Amino acid sequence: METNNAADPLHEQLTIMRNSLFDEKMLNFQFRLLEYLEDGAQPNFAEQVMKTFFESSTEKIAILEQAVEKPPSDFSELDKHLYHLKGSSGGVGAHKVWIEVGKLEKYIEERNLER
């Protein structure tokens, strides 16, 4: 029986790319937990969760951009959106996003929109 050799290089490339996201600390263990939760009933669970994360994050970022562009800003509203973005990024293992949102929360706490 012959194996599909075309899939092997693609699989290897995907594995290398995935591992680089961990090496660069873009993802953390939480993402591995999502992958672990995949089973026969939901084989694309991590993919579905990440898709939802990206969709909701895009919306949150657009809301944050609009709020910052039209001063005076409602800092409590900004903080609420950052809180949700930080929570969802932590939940899916988007470590780099989680860190950057934490910095933004600090700037909002300081009322420093310039940063």
C-alpha atoms as a PDB file:
ATOM      1  CA  MET A   1       0.000   0.000   0.000  1.00  0.00           C
ATOM      2  CA  GLU A   2       1.331   3.413  -0.990  1.00  0.00           C
ATOM      3  CA  THR A   3       1.208   6.386   1.396  1.00  0.00           C
ATOM      4  CA  ASN A   4       0.434   9.916   0.361  1.00  0.00           C
ATOM      5  CA  ASN A   5       3.906  11.478   0.365  1.00  0.00           C
ATOM      6  CA  ALA A   6       2.503  14.905  -0.552  1.00  0.00           C
ATOM      7  CA  ALA A   7       0.753  15.117   2.809  1.00  0.00           C
ATOM      8  CA  ASP A   8       3.891  14.317   4.797  1.00  0.00           C
ATOM      9  CA  PRO A   9       5.809  17.517   3.872  1.00  0.00           C
ATOM     10  CA  LEU A  10       2.674  19.591   4.451  1.00  0.00           C
ATOM     11  CA  HIS A  11       2.096  17.983   7.839  1.00  0.00           C
ATOM     12  CA  GLU A  12       5.753  18.536   8.726  1.00  0.00           C
ATOM     13  CA  GLN A  13       5.555  22.197   7.687  1.00  0.00           C
ATOM     14  CA  LEU A  14       2.408  22.726   9.769  1.00  0.00           C
ATOM     15  CA  THR A  15       4.074  21.094  12.762  1.00  0.00           C
ATOM     16  CA  ILE A  16       7.099  23.378  12.404  1.00  0.00           C
ATOM     17  CA  MET A  17       4.881  26.460  12.134  1.00  0.00           C
ATOM     18  CA  ARG A  18       2.819  25.399  15.147  1.00  0.00           C
ATOM     19  CA  ASN A  19       5.921  24.752  17.228  1.00  0.00           C
ATOM     20  CA  SER A  20       7.342  28.155  16.281  1.00  0.00           C
ATOM     21  CA  LEU A  21       4.219  29.812  17.708  1.00  0.00           C
ATOM     22  CA  PHE A  22       5.019  28.164  21.036  1.00  0.00           C
ATOM     23  CA  ASP A  23       8.739  28.970  20.759  1.00  0.00           C
ATOM     24  CA  GLU A  24       7.920  32.635  20.105  1.00  0.00           C
ATOM     25  CA  LYS A  25       5.504  32.595  23.048  1.00  0.00           C
ATOM     26  CA  MET A  26       2.570  33.516  20.812  1.00  0.00           C
ATOM     27  CA  LEU A  27       0.707  30.488  22.204  1.00  0.00           C
ATOM     28  CA  ASN A  28       0.946  28.763  25.558  1.00  0.00           C
ATOM     29  CA  PHE A  29      -0.215  25.576  27.292  1.00  0.00           C
ATOM     30  CA  GLN A  30      -3.847  26.693  27.202  1.00  0.00           C
ATOM     31  CA  PHE A  31      -3.915  26.144  23.446  1.00  0.00           C
ATOM     32  CA  ARG A  32      -2.570  22.626  23.963  1.00  0.00           C
ATOM     33  CA  LEU A  33      -5.496  22.000  26.292  1.00  0.00           C
ATOM     34  CA  LEU A  34      -7.884  23.020  23.510  1.00  0.00           C
ATOM     35  CA  GLU A  35      -6.191  20.549  21.203  1.00  0.00           C
ATOM     36  CA  TYR A  36      -6.412  17.874  23.882  1.00  0.00           C
ATOM     37  CA  LEU A  37     -10.183  18.402  24.126  1.00  0.00           C
ATOM     38  CA  GLU A  38     -10.617  17.390  20.512  1.00  0.00           C
ATOM     39  CA  ASP A  39     -12.110  13.960  20.122  1.00  0.00           C
ATOM     40  CA  GLY A  40     -14.100  11.962  17.633  1.00  0.00           C
ATOM     41  CA  ALA A  41     -17.242  13.939  18.399  1.00  0.00           C
ATOM     42  CA  GLN A  42     -15.577  17.310  17.772  1.00  0.00           C
ATOM     43  CA  PRO A  43     -12.421  16.768  15.739  1.00  0.00           C
ATOM     44  CA  ASN A  44     -12.067  20.499  14.899  1.00  0.00           C
ATOM     45  CA  PHE A  45     -12.770  21.830  18.381  1.00  0.00           C
ATOM     46  CA  ALA A  46      -9.591  23.941  18.686  1.00  0.00           C
ATOM     47  CA  GLU A  47     -10.117  25.352  15.211  1.00  0.00           C
ATOM     48  CA  GLN A  48     -13.705  26.333  16.014  1.00  0.00           C
ATOM     49  CA  VAL A  49     -12.718  27.946  19.309  1.00  0.00           C
ATOM     50  CA  MET A  50      -9.908  29.911  17.651  1.00  0.00           C
ATOM     51  CA  LYS A  51     -12.220  31.040  14.848  1.00  0.00           C
ATOM     52  CA  THR A  52     -14.682  32.375  17.417  1.00  0.00           C
ATOM     53  CA  PHE A  53     -11.818  34.046  19.300  1.00  0.00           C
ATOM     54  CA  PHE A  54     -10.561  35.803  16.163  1.00  0.00           C
ATOM     55  CA  GLU A  55     -14.042  36.971  15.208  1.00  0.00           C
ATOM     56  CA  SER A  56     -14.846  38.376  18.643  1.00  0.00           C
ATOM     57  CA  SER A  57     -11.361  39.871  19.031  1.00  0.00           C
ATOM     58  CA  THR A  58     -11.702  41.698  15.734  1.00  0.00           C
ATOM     59  CA  GLU A  59     -14.945  43.229  16.970  1.00  0.00           C
ATOM     60  CA  LYS A  60     -13.432  44.198  20.336  1.00  0.00           C
ATOM     61  CA  ILE A  61     -10.396  45.790  18.694  1.00  0.00           C
ATOM     62  CA  ALA A  62     -12.625  47.823  16.355  1.00  0.00           C
ATOM     63  CA  ILE A  63     -14.667  49.031  19.347  1.00  0.00           C
ATOM     64  CA  LEU A  64     -11.469  49.972  21.201  1.00  0.00           C
ATOM     65  CA  GLU A  65     -10.086  51.859  18.187  1.00  0.00           C
ATOM     66  CA  GLN A  66     -13.301  53.834  17.816  1.00  0.00           C
ATOM     67  CA  ALA A  67     -13.404  54.674  21.516  1.00  0.00           C
ATOM     68  CA  VAL A  68      -9.817  55.940  21.508  1.00  0.00           C
ATOM     69  CA  GLU A  69     -10.331  58.052  18.368  1.00  0.00           C
ATOM     70  CA  LYS A  70     -13.203  60.081  19.809  1.00  0.00           C
ATOM     71  CA  PRO A  71     -12.133  61.670  23.076  1.00  0.00           C
ATOM     72  CA  PRO A  72     -13.163  62.147  25.778  1.00  0.00           C
ATOM     73  CA  SER A  73     -12.984  58.424  26.195  1.00  0.00           C
ATOM     74  CA  ASP A  74     -15.073  56.411  28.578  1.00  0.00           C
ATOM     75  CA  PHE A  75     -12.263  54.672  30.407  1.00  0.00           C
ATOM     76  CA  SER A  76     -14.580  52.250  32.185  1.00  0.00           C
ATOM     77  CA  GLU A  77     -15.975  51.167  28.801  1.00  0.00           C
ATOM     78  CA  LEU A  78     -12.460  50.720  27.408  1.00  0.00           C
ATOM     79  CA  ASP A  79     -11.465  48.739  30.468  1.00  0.00           C
ATOM     80  CA  LYS A  80     -14.512  46.475  30.076  1.00  0.00           C
ATOM     81  CA  HIS A  81     -13.602  45.615  26.479  1.00  0.00           C
ATOM     82  CA  LEU A  82      -9.963  45.049  27.391  1.00  0.00           C
ATOM     83  CA  TYR A  83     -11.052  42.784  30.237  1.00  0.00           C
ATOM     84  CA  HIS A  84     -13.063  40.628  27.836  1.00  0.00           C
ATOM     85  CA  LEU A  85     -10.253  40.560  25.268  1.00  0.00           C
ATOM     86  CA  LYS A  86      -7.708  39.593  27.907  1.00  0.00           C
ATOM     87  CA  GLY A  87      -9.956  36.855  29.271  1.00  0.00           C
ATOM     88  CA  SER A  88     -10.669  35.332  25.892  1.00  0.00           C
ATOM     89  CA  SER A  89      -7.027  35.492  24.806  1.00  0.00           C
ATOM     90  CA  GLY A  90      -5.977  33.773  28.023  1.00  0.00           C
ATOM     91  CA  GLY A  91      -8.655  31.145  27.547  1.00  0.00           C
ATOM     92  CA  VAL A  92      -7.444  30.116  24.105  1.00  0.00           C
ATOM     93  CA  GLY A  93      -3.742  30.349  24.901  1.00  0.00           C
ATOM     94  CA  ALA A  94      -3.024  33.488  22.838  1.00  0.00           C
ATOM     95  CA  HIS A  95      -0.257  34.418  25.246  1.00  0.00           C
ATOM     96  CA  LYS A  96       1.235  37.353  23.339  1.00  0.00           C
ATOM     97  CA  VAL A  97      -2.188  38.986  22.970  1.00  0.00           C
ATOM     98  CA  TRP A  98      -2.830  38.449  26.683  1.00  0.00           C
ATOM     99  CA  ILE A  99       0.445  40.220  27.572  1.00  0.00           C
ATOM    100  CA  GLU A 100      -0.190  43.164  25.252  1.00  0.00           C
ATOM    101  CA  VAL A 101      -3.754  43.636  26.500  1.00  0.00           C
ATOM    102  CA  GLY A 102      -2.377  43.671  30.043  1.00  0.00           C
ATOM    103  CA  LYS A 103      -0.153  46.586  29.045  1.00  0.00           C
ATOM    104  CA  LEU A 104      -3.131  48.388  27.547  1.00  0.00           C
ATOM    105  CA  GLU A 105      -5.094  47.875  30.755  1.00  0.00           C
ATOM    106  CA  LYS A 106      -2.298  49.597  32.641  1.00  0.00           C
ATOM    107  CA  TYR A 107      -2.393  52.573  30.265  1.00  0.00           C
ATOM    108  CA  ILE A 108      -6.154  52.841  30.623  1.00  0.00           C
ATOM    109  CA  GLU A 109      -5.789  52.714  34.401  1.00  0.00           C
ATOM    110  CA  GLU A 110      -3.321  55.617  34.110  1.00  0.00           C
ATOM    111  CA  ARG A 111      -5.736  57.412  31.725  1.00  0.00           C
ATOM    112  CA  ASN A 112      -2.906  57.488  29.183  1.00  0.00           C
ATOM    113  CA  LEU A 113      -4.472  57.221  25.713  1.00  0.00           C
ATOM    114  CA  GLU A 114      -1.256  58.306  23.982  1.00  0.00           C
ATOM    115  CA  ARG A 115       0.450  55.039  24.858  1.00  0.00           C
END
